[in-house]
Amino acid sequence: MPPFGYPNPVQAPLKYSQLNQYGSSAEIFAITDVDKINVKDPTVSWWTDLPYRPAHGIVRNQLFFDWHVQGIKAD
């Protein structure tokens, strides 16, 4: 589910009211911290700019669609 849409293949963004079919807005994250562990594709042009591991130690900050931010343990 790409809530903001996707360019290829083209998928339109979801309306906020459609999110609940995938779960609670308090359970679906909109944005997460990135690092080389959770972005595994080294061919993306910005991959070299990423830290090797989560910037906050063992957690990644995530912003959820209900607008709360929470540190989630990195796998």
N, C-alpha and C. Protein backbone atom coordinates (compact mmCIF):
# COMPACT_ATOMS: atom_id res chain seq x y z
N MET A 1 0.83 -1.16 0.00
CA MET A 1 0.00 0.00 0.00
C MET A 1 0.89 1.25 0.00
N PRO A 2 1.00 1.95 -1.09
CA PRO A 2 1.73 3.22 -1.12
C PRO A 2 0.76 4.39 -0.90
N PRO A 3 0.62 4.87 0.33
CA PRO A 3 -0.40 5.89 0.62
C PRO A 3 -0.21 7.19 -0.15
N PHE A 4 1.03 7.48 -0.57
CA PHE A 4 1.29 8.72 -1.28
C PHE A 4 1.30 8.53 -2.80
N GLY A 5 0.90 7.33 -3.25
CA GLY A 5 0.93 7.03 -4.66
C GLY A 5 2.26 6.42 -5.06
N TYR A 6 2.40 6.08 -6.34
CA TYR A 6 3.64 5.48 -6.82
C TYR A 6 3.76 5.78 -8.31
N PRO A 7 4.97 6.10 -8.78
CA PRO A 7 5.11 6.52 -10.18
C PRO A 7 5.11 5.39 -11.20
N ASN A 8 5.62 4.19 -10.84
CA ASN A 8 5.75 3.13 -11.84
C ASN A 8 5.58 1.77 -11.20
N PRO A 9 4.49 1.06 -11.41
CA PRO A 9 3.33 1.48 -12.20
C PRO A 9 2.57 2.58 -11.48
N VAL A 10 1.91 3.41 -12.25
CA VAL A 10 1.22 4.58 -11.71
C VAL A 10 0.10 4.15 -10.76
N GLN A 11 0.17 4.64 -9.54
CA GLN A 11 -0.88 4.42 -8.55
C GLN A 11 -1.19 5.77 -7.92
N ALA A 12 -2.47 6.12 -7.88
CA ALA A 12 -2.88 7.38 -7.29
C ALA A 12 -2.72 7.32 -5.77
N PRO A 13 -2.48 8.46 -5.13
CA PRO A 13 -2.41 8.47 -3.66
C PRO A 13 -3.76 8.15 -3.06
N LEU A 14 -3.73 7.59 -1.85
CA LEU A 14 -4.97 7.29 -1.14
C LEU A 14 -5.55 8.55 -0.53
N LYS A 15 -6.84 8.59 -0.40
CA LYS A 15 -7.48 9.63 0.39
C LYS A 15 -7.34 9.22 1.86
N TYR A 16 -7.29 10.21 2.73
CA TYR A 16 -7.13 9.91 4.17
C TYR A 16 -8.21 8.95 4.64
N SER A 17 -9.41 9.10 4.14
CA SER A 17 -10.52 8.23 4.55
C SER A 17 -10.33 6.77 4.10
N GLN A 18 -9.45 6.52 3.14
CA GLN A 18 -9.19 5.16 2.67
C GLN A 18 -8.16 4.42 3.51
N LEU A 19 -7.41 5.13 4.34
CA LEU A 19 -6.36 4.49 5.14
C LEU A 19 -6.91 3.43 6.07
N ASN A 20 -8.11 3.65 6.60
CA ASN A 20 -8.64 2.72 7.61
C ASN A 20 -8.86 1.31 7.07
N GLN A 21 -8.86 1.13 5.76
CA GLN A 21 -8.97 -0.23 5.24
C GLN A 21 -7.67 -1.02 5.44
N TYR A 22 -6.59 -0.33 5.79
CA TYR A 22 -5.30 -0.98 6.04
C TYR A 22 -4.95 -1.02 7.52
N GLY A 23 -5.75 -0.40 8.36
CA GLY A 23 -5.51 -0.39 9.80
C GLY A 23 -5.78 0.99 10.38
N SER A 24 -5.53 1.11 11.65
CA SER A 24 -5.74 2.36 12.35
C SER A 24 -4.67 3.38 11.95
N SER A 25 -5.03 4.66 11.90
CA SER A 25 -4.05 5.70 11.58
C SER A 25 -2.95 5.77 12.64
N ALA A 26 -3.22 5.24 13.82
CA ALA A 26 -2.21 5.18 14.88
C ALA A 26 -1.24 4.02 14.69
N GLU A 27 -1.51 3.13 13.73
CA GLU A 27 -0.67 1.96 13.49
C GLU A 27 0.07 2.01 12.16
N ILE A 28 -0.29 2.95 11.28
CA ILE A 28 0.32 3.04 9.95
C ILE A 28 1.26 4.24 9.94
N PHE A 29 2.55 3.98 9.68
CA PHE A 29 3.48 5.10 9.68
C PHE A 29 3.52 5.77 8.31
N ALA A 30 3.71 7.08 8.33
CA ALA A 30 3.80 7.87 7.11
C ALA A 30 5.25 8.10 6.70
N ILE A 31 6.11 8.31 7.70
CA ILE A 31 7.52 8.61 7.45
C ILE A 31 8.34 7.85 8.49
N THR A 32 9.49 7.34 8.05
CA THR A 32 10.41 6.67 8.97
C THR A 32 11.84 7.13 8.70
N ASP A 33 12.69 7.04 9.70
CA ASP A 33 14.12 7.28 9.49
C ASP A 33 14.64 6.22 8.53
N VAL A 34 15.65 6.58 7.75
CA VAL A 34 16.24 5.61 6.83
C VAL A 34 17.73 5.46 7.11
N ASP A 35 18.23 4.31 6.77
CA ASP A 35 19.65 4.00 6.88
C ASP A 35 19.95 2.88 5.89
N LYS A 36 21.19 2.45 5.82
CA LYS A 36 21.57 1.44 4.83
C LYS A 36 21.02 0.06 5.16
N ILE A 37 20.49 -0.13 6.36
CA ILE A 37 19.89 -1.41 6.71
C ILE A 37 18.48 -1.52 6.14
N ASN A 38 17.68 -0.45 6.22
CA ASN A 38 16.32 -0.56 5.72
C ASN A 38 16.14 -0.03 4.30
N VAL A 39 17.21 0.52 3.71
CA VAL A 39 17.23 0.82 2.27
C VAL A 39 18.34 -0.04 1.70
N LYS A 40 17.96 -1.19 1.16
CA LYS A 40 18.95 -2.20 0.77
C LYS A 40 19.49 -2.02 -0.64
N ASP A 41 18.91 -1.11 -1.42
CA ASP A 41 19.30 -0.96 -2.83
C ASP A 41 20.41 0.08 -2.99
N PRO A 42 21.66 -0.35 -3.17
CA PRO A 42 22.77 0.61 -3.28
C PRO A 42 22.80 1.35 -4.62
N THR A 43 21.88 1.03 -5.53
CA THR A 43 21.88 1.73 -6.82
C THR A 43 21.11 3.04 -6.78
N VAL A 44 20.36 3.32 -5.69
CA VAL A 44 19.68 4.61 -5.61
C VAL A 44 20.76 5.68 -5.39
N SER A 45 20.58 6.82 -6.04
CA SER A 45 21.64 7.83 -6.07
C SER A 45 22.02 8.38 -4.70
N TRP A 46 21.12 8.36 -3.73
CA TRP A 46 21.36 8.94 -2.41
C TRP A 46 21.78 7.91 -1.37
N TRP A 47 22.00 6.66 -1.78
CA TRP A 47 22.34 5.59 -0.83
C TRP A 47 23.63 5.89 -0.08
N THR A 48 24.60 6.48 -0.74
CA THR A 48 25.89 6.77 -0.08
C THR A 48 25.75 7.83 1.01
N ASP A 49 24.67 8.61 0.96
CA ASP A 49 24.44 9.64 1.99
C ASP A 49 23.85 9.09 3.28
N LEU A 50 23.39 7.86 3.26
CA LEU A 50 22.71 7.27 4.42
C LEU A 50 23.71 6.79 5.47
N PRO A 51 23.31 6.85 6.74
CA PRO A 51 24.15 6.25 7.78
C PRO A 51 24.11 4.72 7.66
N TYR A 52 25.13 4.06 8.17
CA TYR A 52 25.19 2.60 8.08
C TYR A 52 24.17 1.89 8.96
N ARG A 53 23.80 2.52 10.07
CA ARG A 53 22.80 1.93 10.97
C ARG A 53 21.88 3.03 11.47
N PRO A 54 20.83 2.68 12.17
CA PRO A 54 19.89 3.70 12.64
C PRO A 54 20.60 4.83 13.41
N ALA A 55 20.22 6.04 13.09
CA ALA A 55 20.86 7.22 13.69
C ALA A 55 20.58 7.33 15.19
N HIS A 56 19.51 6.70 15.66
CA HIS A 56 19.13 6.78 17.07
C HIS A 56 19.43 5.49 17.81
N GLY A 57 20.48 4.80 17.41
CA GLY A 57 20.87 3.56 18.09
C GLY A 57 20.05 2.38 17.64
N ILE A 58 19.18 1.89 18.52
CA ILE A 58 18.40 0.69 18.19
C ILE A 58 16.98 1.00 17.74
N VAL A 59 16.66 2.29 17.60
CA VAL A 59 15.30 2.66 17.17
C VAL A 59 15.35 3.57 15.95
N ARG A 60 14.25 3.55 15.19
CA ARG A 60 14.01 4.51 14.12
C ARG A 60 12.76 5.29 14.50
N ASN A 61 12.83 6.60 14.39
CA ASN A 61 11.65 7.42 14.64
C ASN A 61 10.67 7.26 13.48
N GLN A 62 9.40 7.13 13.81
CA GLN A 62 8.36 7.03 12.80
C GLN A 62 7.25 8.01 13.11
N LEU A 63 6.77 8.70 12.07
CA LEU A 63 5.62 9.58 12.17
C LEU A 63 4.42 8.81 11.65
N PHE A 64 3.38 8.71 12.46
CA PHE A 64 2.19 7.95 12.10
C PHE A 64 1.11 8.89 11.56
N PHE A 65 0.14 8.33 10.88
CA PHE A 65 -0.91 9.13 10.27
C PHE A 65 -1.86 9.78 11.27
N ASP A 66 -1.78 9.43 12.54
CA ASP A 66 -2.54 10.17 13.55
C ASP A 66 -1.67 11.30 14.13
N TRP A 67 -0.49 11.50 13.57
CA TRP A 67 0.46 12.56 13.87
C TRP A 67 1.29 12.34 15.12
N HIS A 68 1.28 11.15 15.71
CA HIS A 68 2.21 10.91 16.81
C HIS A 68 3.52 10.38 16.25
N VAL A 69 4.59 10.61 16.98
CA VAL A 69 5.92 10.13 16.62
C VAL A 69 6.34 9.13 17.69
N GLN A 70 6.94 8.04 17.22
CA GLN A 70 7.33 6.99 18.17
C GLN A 70 8.64 6.37 17.69
N GLY A 71 9.52 6.05 18.63
CA GLY A 71 10.73 5.29 18.31
C GLY A 71 10.37 3.82 18.23
N ILE A 72 10.63 3.21 17.08
CA ILE A 72 10.32 1.80 16.86
C ILE A 72 11.63 1.03 16.78
N LYS A 73 11.74 -0.06 17.50
CA LYS A 73 12.97 -0.84 17.52
C LYS A 73 13.30 -1.31 16.10
N ALA A 74 14.54 -1.07 15.69
CA ALA A 74 15.01 -1.49 14.36
C ALA A 74 15.26 -3.00 14.37
N ASP A 75 14.94 -3.63 13.28
CA ASP A 75 15.18 -5.08 13.16
C ASP A 75 16.62 -5.37 12.83
